[in-house]
C-alpha atoms as a PDB file:
ATOM      1  CA  MET A   1     105.229 114.734  69.437  1.00  0.00           C
ATOM      2  CA  ILE A   2     108.298 112.938  68.083  1.00  0.00           C
ATOM      3  CA  VAL A   3     110.648 111.890  70.874  1.00  0.00           C
ATOM      4  CA  LEU A   4     113.318 110.085  68.882  1.00  0.00           C
ATOM      5  CA  GLU A   5     114.163 109.804  65.208  1.00  0.00           C
ATOM      6  CA  THR A   6     116.975 107.968  63.501  1.00  0.00           C
ATOM      7  CA  GLU A   7     117.709 108.457  59.819  1.00  0.00           C
ATOM      8  CA  ASN A   8     119.781 105.890  57.925  1.00  0.00           C
ATOM      9  CA  LEU A   9     121.633 104.992  61.116  1.00  0.00           C
ATOM     10  CA  THR A  10     124.589 102.737  60.362  1.00  0.00           C
ATOM     11  CA  LYS A  11     127.192 101.158  62.608  1.00  0.00           C
ATOM     12  CA  LYS A  12     130.173  99.317  61.201  1.00  0.00           C
ATOM     13  CA  PHE A  13     132.926  97.402  62.943  1.00  0.00           C
ATOM     14  CA  GLY A  14     135.685  97.161  60.375  1.00  0.00           C
ATOM     15  CA  GLY A  15     134.180  95.307  57.433  1.00  0.00           C
ATOM     16  CA  LEU A  16     131.105  94.180  59.403  1.00  0.00           C
ATOM     17  CA  THR A  17     127.931  96.256  59.121  1.00  0.00           C
ATOM     18  CA  ALA A  18     126.087  95.570  62.370  1.00  0.00           C
ATOM     19  CA  VAL A  19     123.349  98.190  61.836  1.00  0.00           C
ATOM     20  CA  ASN A  20     122.448  99.107  58.267  1.00  0.00           C
ATOM     21  CA  ASN A  21     120.581 102.323  57.394  1.00  0.00           C
ATOM     22  CA  VAL A  22     117.914 102.002  60.102  1.00  0.00           C
ATOM     23  CA  SER A  23     115.376 104.818  60.161  1.00  0.00           C
ATOM     24  CA  MET A  24     112.739 104.749  62.898  1.00  0.00           C
ATOM     25  CA  THR A  25     110.586 106.964  65.100  1.00  0.00           C
ATOM     26  CA  VAL A  26     109.440 106.939  68.723  1.00  0.00           C
ATOM     27  CA  TYR A  27     106.483 109.175  69.589  1.00  0.00           C
ATOM     28  CA  GLN A  28     105.499 110.633  72.939  1.00  0.00           C
ATOM     29  CA  GLY A  29     103.753 107.949  74.979  1.00  0.00           C
ATOM     30  CA  ASP A  30     105.003 105.059  72.859  1.00  0.00           C
ATOM     31  CA  ILE A  31     106.126 101.725  74.218  1.00  0.00           C
ATOM     32  CA  VAL A  32     108.054 100.395  71.231  1.00  0.00           C
ATOM     33  CA  GLY A  33     109.312  96.830  71.149  1.00  0.00           C
ATOM     34  CA  LEU A  34     112.622  96.336  69.339  1.00  0.00           C
ATOM     35  CA  ILE A  35     112.609  92.719  68.210  1.00  0.00           C
ATOM     36  CA  GLY A  36     114.671  90.437  66.020  1.00  0.00           C
ATOM     37  CA  PRO A  37     116.708  87.241  66.218  1.00  0.00           C
ATOM     38  CA  ASN A  38     119.856  86.965  68.302  1.00  0.00           C
ATOM     39  CA  GLY A  39     122.682  88.861  66.642  1.00  0.00           C
ATOM     40  CA  ALA A  40     120.318  91.063  64.637  1.00  0.00           C
ATOM     41  CA  GLY A  41     121.954  94.266  65.898  1.00  0.00           C
ATOM     42  CA  LYS A  42     119.365  95.390  68.444  1.00  0.00           C
ATOM     43  CA  THR A  43     121.731  96.285  71.282  1.00  0.00           C
ATOM     44  CA  THR A  44     124.232  97.742  68.804  1.00  0.00           C
ATOM     45  CA  PHE A  45     121.448 100.000  67.547  1.00  0.00           C
ATOM     46  CA  ILE A  46     120.580 101.409  70.978  1.00  0.00           C
ATOM     47  CA  ASN A  47     124.280 101.706  71.817  1.00  0.00           C
ATOM     48  CA  ALA A  48     124.694 103.861  68.699  1.00  0.00           C
ATOM     49  CA  VAL A  49     121.667 106.009  69.534  1.00  0.00           C
ATOM     50  CA  SER A  50     122.597 106.483  73.193  1.00  0.00           C
ATOM     51  CA  GLY A  51     126.222 107.390  72.442  1.00  0.00           C
ATOM     52  CA  LEU A  52     127.867 104.371  74.018  1.00  0.00           C
ATOM     53  CA  ASN A  53     129.156 103.298  70.592  1.00  0.00           C
ATOM     54  CA  PRO A  54     128.572 106.238  68.194  1.00  0.00           C
ATOM     55  CA  PRO A  55     127.200 105.477  64.712  1.00  0.00           C
ATOM     56  CA  THR A  56     129.416 105.306  61.658  1.00  0.00           C
ATOM     57  CA  SER A  57     126.906 107.334  59.657  1.00  0.00           C
ATOM     58  CA  GLY A  58     123.323 108.543  59.759  1.00  0.00           C
ATOM     59  CA  GLU A  59     121.589 110.908  62.154  1.00  0.00           C
ATOM     60  CA  VAL A  60     119.996 110.766  65.591  1.00  0.00           C
ATOM     61  CA  ARG A  61     117.471 113.399  66.693  1.00  0.00           C
ATOM     62  CA  LEU A  62     116.327 113.441  70.310  1.00  0.00           C
ATOM     63  CA  PHE A  63     113.378 115.734  71.068  1.00  0.00           C
ATOM     64  CA  GLY A  64     114.039 117.509  67.782  1.00  0.00           C
ATOM     65  CA  GLU A  65     117.723 118.170  68.476  1.00  0.00           C
ATOM     66  CA  VAL A  66     120.476 116.523  66.450  1.00  0.00           C
ATOM     67  CA  THR A  67     122.429 114.449  68.970  1.00  0.00           C
ATOM     68  CA  THR A  68     124.395 112.112  66.697  1.00  0.00           C
ATOM     69  CA  GLY A  69     127.557 110.929  68.412  1.00  0.00           C
ATOM     70  CA  LEU A  70     127.012 112.736  71.710  1.00  0.00           C
ATOM     71  CA  PRO A  71     128.447 110.763  74.660  1.00  0.00           C
ATOM     72  CA  PRO A  72     126.067 108.943  77.035  1.00  0.00           C
ATOM     73  CA  GLU A  73     126.305 111.531  79.813  1.00  0.00           C
ATOM     74  CA  LYS A  74     125.150 114.299  77.467  1.00  0.00           C
ATOM     75  CA  MET A  75     122.352 112.118  76.113  1.00  0.00           C
ATOM     76  CA  CYS A  76     121.341 111.434  79.710  1.00  0.00           C
ATOM     77  CA  HIS A  77     121.166 115.148  80.494  1.00  0.00           C
ATOM     78  CA  ARG A  78     118.968 115.586  77.406  1.00  0.00           C
ATOM     79  CA  GLY A  79     116.445 113.067  78.724  1.00  0.00           C
ATOM     80  CA  LEU A  80     117.575 109.616  77.547  1.00  0.00           C
ATOM     81  CA  SER A  81     118.398 106.839  79.982  1.00  0.00           C
ATOM     82  CA  ARG A  82     118.782 103.087  79.675  1.00  0.00           C
ATOM     83  CA  THR A  83     119.185  99.726  81.338  1.00  0.00           C
ATOM     84  CA  PHE A  84     121.607  97.048  80.211  1.00  0.00           C
ATOM     85  CA  GLN A  85     121.122  93.432  79.215  1.00  0.00           C
ATOM     86  CA  ILE A  86     123.886  92.527  81.668  1.00  0.00           C
ATOM     87  CA  PRO A  87     123.849  95.000  84.586  1.00  0.00           C
ATOM     88  CA  SER A  88     127.235  96.320  85.689  1.00  0.00           C
ATOM     89  CA  PRO A  89     126.723  97.579  89.242  1.00  0.00           C
ATOM     90  CA  PHE A  90     129.226  99.115  91.606  1.00  0.00           C
ATOM     91  CA  PRO A  91     129.795  95.815  93.426  1.00  0.00           C
ATOM     92  CA  LYS A  92     130.749  97.238  96.817  1.00  0.00           C
ATOM     93  CA  MET A  93     128.009  99.875  96.948  1.00  0.00           C
ATOM     94  CA  THR A  94     124.671  99.356  98.652  1.00  0.00           C
ATOM     95  CA  ALA A  95     121.512  99.544  96.572  1.00  0.00           C
ATOM     96  CA  ILE A  96     120.630 103.036  97.750  1.00  0.00           C
ATOM     97  CA  GLU A  97     124.196 104.261  97.232  1.00  0.00           C
ATOM     98  CA  SER A  98     124.064 102.996  93.644  1.00  0.00           C
ATOM     99  CA  VAL A  99     120.844 104.877  92.923  1.00  0.00           C
ATOM    100  CA  MET A 100     122.148 107.984  94.681  1.00  0.00           C
ATOM    101  CA  THR A 101     125.197 107.959  92.422  1.00  0.00           C
ATOM    102  CA  ALA A 102     122.939 107.932  89.369  1.00  0.00           C
ATOM    103  CA  THR A 103     120.804 110.649  90.938  1.00  0.00           C
ATOM    104  CA  LEU A 104     123.729 112.966  91.601  1.00  0.00           C
ATOM    105  CA  PHE A 105     125.471 112.504  88.254  1.00  0.00           C
ATOM    106  CA  GLY A 106     122.360 112.131  86.097  1.00  0.00           C
ATOM    107  CA  ASN A 107     120.652 115.388  87.076  1.00  0.00           C
ATOM    108  CA  PRO A 108     121.721 119.033  86.888  1.00  0.00           C
ATOM    109  CA  ALA A 109     123.356 120.257  90.090  1.00  0.00           C
ATOM    110  CA  GLY A 110     120.771 121.219  92.675  1.00  0.00           C
ATOM    111  CA  LYS A 111     117.779 119.770  90.811  1.00  0.00           C
ATOM    112  CA  ILE A 112     117.253 116.977  93.347  1.00  0.00           C
ATOM    113  CA  THR A 113     117.162 118.586  96.782  1.00  0.00           C
ATOM    114  CA  ASP A 114     117.068 115.316  98.729  1.00  0.00           C
ATOM    115  CA  PRO A 115     118.952 112.586  96.793  1.00  0.00           C
ATOM    116  CA  VAL A 116     118.461 110.041  99.568  1.00  0.00           C
ATOM    117  CA  ALA A 117     114.682 110.390  99.518  1.00  0.00           C
ATOM    118  CA  HIS A 118     114.652 110.468  95.707  1.00  0.00           C
ATOM    119  CA  SER A 119     116.684 107.262  95.541  1.00  0.00           C
ATOM    120  CA  ARG A 120     114.565 105.532  98.169  1.00  0.00           C
ATOM    121  CA  GLN A 121     111.385 106.422  96.258  1.00  0.00           C
ATOM    122  CA  LEU A 122     112.815 104.908  93.084  1.00  0.00           C
ATOM    123  CA  LEU A 123     113.728 101.648  94.795  1.00  0.00           C
ATOM    124  CA  GLU A 124     110.152 101.469  96.040  1.00  0.00           C
ATOM    125  CA  PHE A 125     108.806 102.410  92.593  1.00  0.00           C
ATOM    126  CA  VAL A 126     110.600  99.524  90.850  1.00  0.00           C
ATOM    127  CA  GLU A 127     109.577  97.206  93.705  1.00  0.00           C
ATOM    128  CA  PHE A 128     113.168  96.378  94.586  1.00  0.00           C
ATOM    129  CA  PRO A 129     112.825  93.144  96.568  1.00  0.00           C
ATOM    130  CA  MET A 130     115.723  93.607  98.994  1.00  0.00           C
ATOM    131  CA  ASP A 131     116.674  96.018 101.763  1.00  0.00           C
ATOM    132  CA  GLU A 132     118.217  99.255 100.479  1.00  0.00           C
ATOM    133  CA  THR A 133     121.399  98.507 102.443  1.00  0.00           C
ATOM    134  CA  VAL A 134     122.155  95.269 100.566  1.00  0.00           C
ATOM    135  CA  VAL A 135     125.499  95.318  98.751  1.00  0.00           C
ATOM    136  CA  ALA A 136     125.214  94.922  94.982  1.00  0.00           C
ATOM    137  CA  GLU A 137     127.604  91.970  94.764  1.00  0.00           C
ATOM    138  CA  GLN A 138     125.153  89.967  96.903  1.00  0.00           C
ATOM    139  CA  LEU A 139     122.291  90.346  94.400  1.00  0.00           C
ATOM    140  CA  ASN A 140     121.168  87.825  91.814  1.00  0.00           C
ATOM    141  CA  THR A 141     120.521  88.751  88.169  1.00  0.00           C
ATOM    142  CA  VAL A 142     116.823  89.531  88.596  1.00  0.00           C
ATOM    143  CA  GLN A 143     117.511  91.748  91.620  1.00  0.00           C
ATOM    144  CA  LEU A 144     120.337  93.512  89.764  1.00  0.00           C
ATOM    145  CA  LYS A 145     117.984  94.291  86.899  1.00  0.00           C
ATOM    146  CA  ARG A 146     115.559  95.990  89.280  1.00  0.00           C
ATOM    147  CA  LEU A 147     118.446  97.995  90.699  1.00  0.00           C
ATOM    148  CA  ASP A 148     119.595  98.858  87.170  1.00  0.00           C
ATOM    149  CA  LEU A 149     116.095 100.097  86.375  1.00  0.00           C
ATOM    150  CA  ALA A 150     116.017 102.297  89.479  1.00  0.00           C
ATOM    151  CA  ARG A 151     119.386 103.762  88.468  1.00  0.00           C
ATOM    152  CA  ALA A 152     118.101 104.429  84.944  1.00  0.00           C
ATOM    153  CA  LEU A 153     115.068 106.259  86.314  1.00  0.00           C
ATOM    154  CA  ALA A 154     117.168 108.322  88.731  1.00  0.00           C
ATOM    155  CA  SER A 155     117.900 110.973  86.091  1.00  0.00           C
ATOM    156  CA  ASN A 156     114.159 111.554  85.448  1.00  0.00           C
ATOM    157  CA  PRO A 157     114.333 110.503  81.786  1.00  0.00           C
ATOM    158  CA  ARG A 158     111.717 111.319  79.182  1.00  0.00           C
ATOM    159  CA  LEU A 159     112.849 108.378  77.037  1.00  0.00           C
ATOM    160  CA  LEU A 160     113.955 105.038  78.476  1.00  0.00           C
ATOM    161  CA  PHE A 161     115.743 102.211  76.680  1.00  0.00           C
ATOM    162  CA  MET A 162     115.203  98.816  78.322  1.00  0.00           C
ATOM    163  CA  ASP A 163     117.445  95.944  77.220  1.00  0.00           C
ATOM    164  CA  GLU A 164     115.916  92.532  77.988  1.00  0.00           C
ATOM    165  CA  MET A 165     114.530  93.383  81.414  1.00  0.00           C
ATOM    166  CA  ALA A 166     112.364  90.258  81.414  1.00  0.00           C
ATOM    167  CA  SER A 167     114.984  87.600  80.645  1.00  0.00           C
ATOM    168  CA  GLY A 168     115.148  84.937  83.319  1.00  0.00           C
ATOM    169  CA  LEU A 169     111.897  85.948  85.016  1.00  0.00           C
ATOM    170  CA  SER A 170     109.294  83.565  86.384  1.00  0.00           C
ATOM    171  CA  GLU A 171     105.653  83.944  85.367  1.00  0.00           C
ATOM    172  CA  GLY A 172     104.891  85.954  88.493  1.00  0.00           C
ATOM    173  CA  GLU A 173     107.945  88.170  88.023  1.00  0.00           C
ATOM    174  CA  LEU A 174     106.907  88.756  84.401  1.00  0.00           C
ATOM    175  CA  THR A 175     103.541  90.043  85.615  1.00  0.00           C
ATOM    176  CA  ASP A 176     105.370  92.318  88.046  1.00  0.00           C
ATOM    177  CA  ILE A 177     107.574  93.834  85.336  1.00  0.00           C
ATOM    178  CA  MET A 178     104.529  94.442  83.122  1.00  0.00           C
ATOM    179  CA  ARG A 179     103.002  96.432  85.962  1.00  0.00           C
ATOM    180  CA  ILE A 180     106.202  98.424  86.481  1.00  0.00           C
ATOM    181  CA  ILE A 181     106.476  99.223  82.771  1.00  0.00           C
ATOM    182  CA  ASP A 182     102.886 100.467  82.888  1.00  0.00           C
ATOM    183  CA  LYS A 183     103.740 102.687  85.870  1.00  0.00           C
ATOM    184  CA  ILE A 184     106.740 104.132  84.043  1.00  0.00           C
ATOM    185  CA  SER A 185     104.652 104.857  80.967  1.00  0.00           C
ATOM    186  CA  LYS A 186     101.956 106.552  83.037  1.00  0.00           C
ATOM    187  CA  LYS A 187     104.605 108.934  84.398  1.00  0.00           C
ATOM    188  CA  GLY A 188     105.018 110.245  80.843  1.00  0.00           C
ATOM    189  CA  VAL A 189     108.171 108.316  79.936  1.00  0.00           C
ATOM    190  CA  SER A 190     108.354 106.924  76.387  1.00  0.00           C
ATOM    191  CA  ILE A 191     109.975 103.489  76.158  1.00  0.00           C
ATOM    192  CA  LEU A 192     111.996 101.561  73.596  1.00  0.00           C
ATOM    193  CA  MET A 193     112.491  98.013  74.788  1.00  0.00           C
ATOM    194  CA  ILE A 194     114.536  95.120  73.441  1.00  0.00           C
ATOM    195  CA  GLU A 195     112.772  91.913  74.332  1.00  0.00           C
ATOM    196  CA  HIS A 196     112.475  88.280  73.254  1.00  0.00           C
ATOM    197  CA  ILE A 197     109.534  87.311  75.469  1.00  0.00           C
ATOM    198  CA  MET A 198     106.600  87.810  73.127  1.00  0.00           C
ATOM    199  CA  GLN A 199     104.048  87.555  75.929  1.00  0.00           C
ATOM    200  CA  LEU A 200     105.483  90.782  77.317  1.00  0.00           C
ATOM    201  CA  ILE A 201     105.891  92.452  73.921  1.00  0.00           C
ATOM    202  CA  MET A 202     102.302  91.760  72.909  1.00  0.00           C
ATOM    203  CA  ALA A 203     100.934  92.854  76.288  1.00  0.00           C
ATOM    204  CA  VAL A 204     102.636  96.244  76.683  1.00  0.00           C
ATOM    205  CA  CYS A 205     103.914  97.537  73.315  1.00  0.00           C
ATOM    206  CA  ASN A 206     101.796  99.688  71.022  1.00  0.00           C
ATOM    207  CA  ARG A 207     104.389  99.609  68.224  1.00  0.00           C
ATOM    208  CA  LEU A 208     107.162  97.276  67.083  1.00  0.00           C
ATOM    209  CA  LEU A 209     110.414  97.645  65.178  1.00  0.00           C
ATOM    210  CA  CYS A 210     111.944  94.441  63.810  1.00  0.00           C
ATOM    211  CA  ILE A 211     115.486  94.212  62.491  1.00  0.00           C
ATOM    212  CA  GLN A 212     117.326  91.303  60.910  1.00  0.00           C
ATOM    213  CA  PHE A 213     121.012  91.267  59.996  1.00  0.00           C
ATOM    214  CA  GLY A 214     121.134  94.908  61.091  1.00  0.00           C
ATOM    215  CA  THR A 215     118.420  95.983  58.626  1.00  0.00           C
ATOM    216  CA  LYS A 216     114.890  97.111  59.446  1.00  0.00           C
ATOM    217  CA  ILE A 217     112.337  94.726  57.987  1.00  0.00           C
ATOM    218  CA  ALA A 218     109.180  96.068  59.658  1.00  0.00           C
ATOM    219  CA  GLU A 219     107.929  98.960  61.795  1.00  0.00           C
ATOM    220  CA  GLY A 220     104.422  99.889  62.885  1.00  0.00           C
ATOM    221  CA  ASP A 221     101.456  98.815  64.981  1.00  0.00           C
ATOM    222  CA  THR A 222     102.211  95.817  67.189  1.00  0.00           C
ATOM    223  CA  ARG A 223      99.668  93.475  65.638  1.00  0.00           C
ATOM    224  CA  ASP A 224     100.529  94.498  62.076  1.00  0.00           C
ATOM    225  CA  VAL A 225     104.245  93.866  62.597  1.00  0.00           C
ATOM    226  CA  ALA A 226     103.613  90.677  64.572  1.00  0.00           C
ATOM    227  CA  ASN A 227     101.578  89.288  61.691  1.00  0.00           C
ATOM    228  CA  ASP A 228     104.033  90.342  58.998  1.00  0.00           C
ATOM    229  CA  PRO A 229     105.267  87.160  57.271  1.00  0.00           C
ATOM    230  CA  LYS A 230     108.804  88.581  57.082  1.00  0.00           C
ATOM    231  CA  VAL A 231     108.865  88.995  60.855  1.00  0.00           C
ATOM    232  CA  ALA A 232     107.455  85.544  61.491  1.00  0.00           C
ATOM    233  CA  SER A 233     110.049  84.041  59.187  1.00  0.00           C
ATOM    234  CA  ALA A 234     112.982  86.014  60.580  1.00  0.00           C
ATOM    235  CA  TYR A 235     112.188  85.907  64.263  1.00  0.00           C
ATOM    236  CA  LEU A 236     109.580  83.353  65.186  1.00  0.00           C
ATOM    237  CA  GLY A 237     109.691  80.613  62.587  1.00  0.00           C
ATOM    238  CA  SER A 238     106.965  78.014  62.893  1.00  0.00           C
ATOM    239  CA  ASP A 239     105.954  79.187  66.380  1.00  0.00           C
ATOM    240  CA  ALA A 240     104.473  82.480  65.160  1.00  0.00           C
ATOM    241  CA  ASP A 241     100.835  81.576  65.644  1.00  0.00           C
ATOM    242  CA  GLU A 242     101.471  80.250  69.143  1.00  0.00           C
ATOM    243  CA  CYS A 243     103.490  83.299  70.198  1.00  0.00           C
ATOM    244  CA  PHE A 244     100.944  85.827  68.942  1.00  0.00           C
ATOM    245  CA  ALA A 245      97.823  84.022  70.149  1.00  0.00           C
END
């Protein structure tokens, strides 16, 4: 089953083309890694798909429905949720209040009968390392990313975008996030993840999409894309063999 398709998706900012005619597919059960050098247009691409910054041209189809240009809240209600590279929490809210807010606004009215229990379960699911009563402004970046993930899962998405969840993690924390991604996937959620840490990409992704200067240069099986000379040249340089070992 096709979960997400983009066809010739383009995003321009004035005279700058940040995403250029990118066509790609996410299938049910996929964990797709979206890779490319800094400034390649990765976050701009998922912003355009998710409705945060609608595309200039091209088409987005989510679960077979044309959703091009729909705002984020409507995309959320259709089954797409996301995390952000830089989390933007409600600073004065507690962790559980933050997840409850996402629960209440991200689901149809009445779908979640006990939002407190639902939110508490999600904090446990993402292995949030602090007490649920901690105020968001007291959290460090790694803790905020776990909270952001719990908020993203609060709407019971069928497709999840993850934007650099692993940045800044220690080796042990990287192992933890691999386990959490596996748990999310086993719940039937397809994943598209932007990531620079190739250890994580190679461990969890079954497919890769690589873009450079806003243009797709490779898409397919993880190993095939990882060993594509164009990808090595664009993204990894001389460290390709070491990164993919």
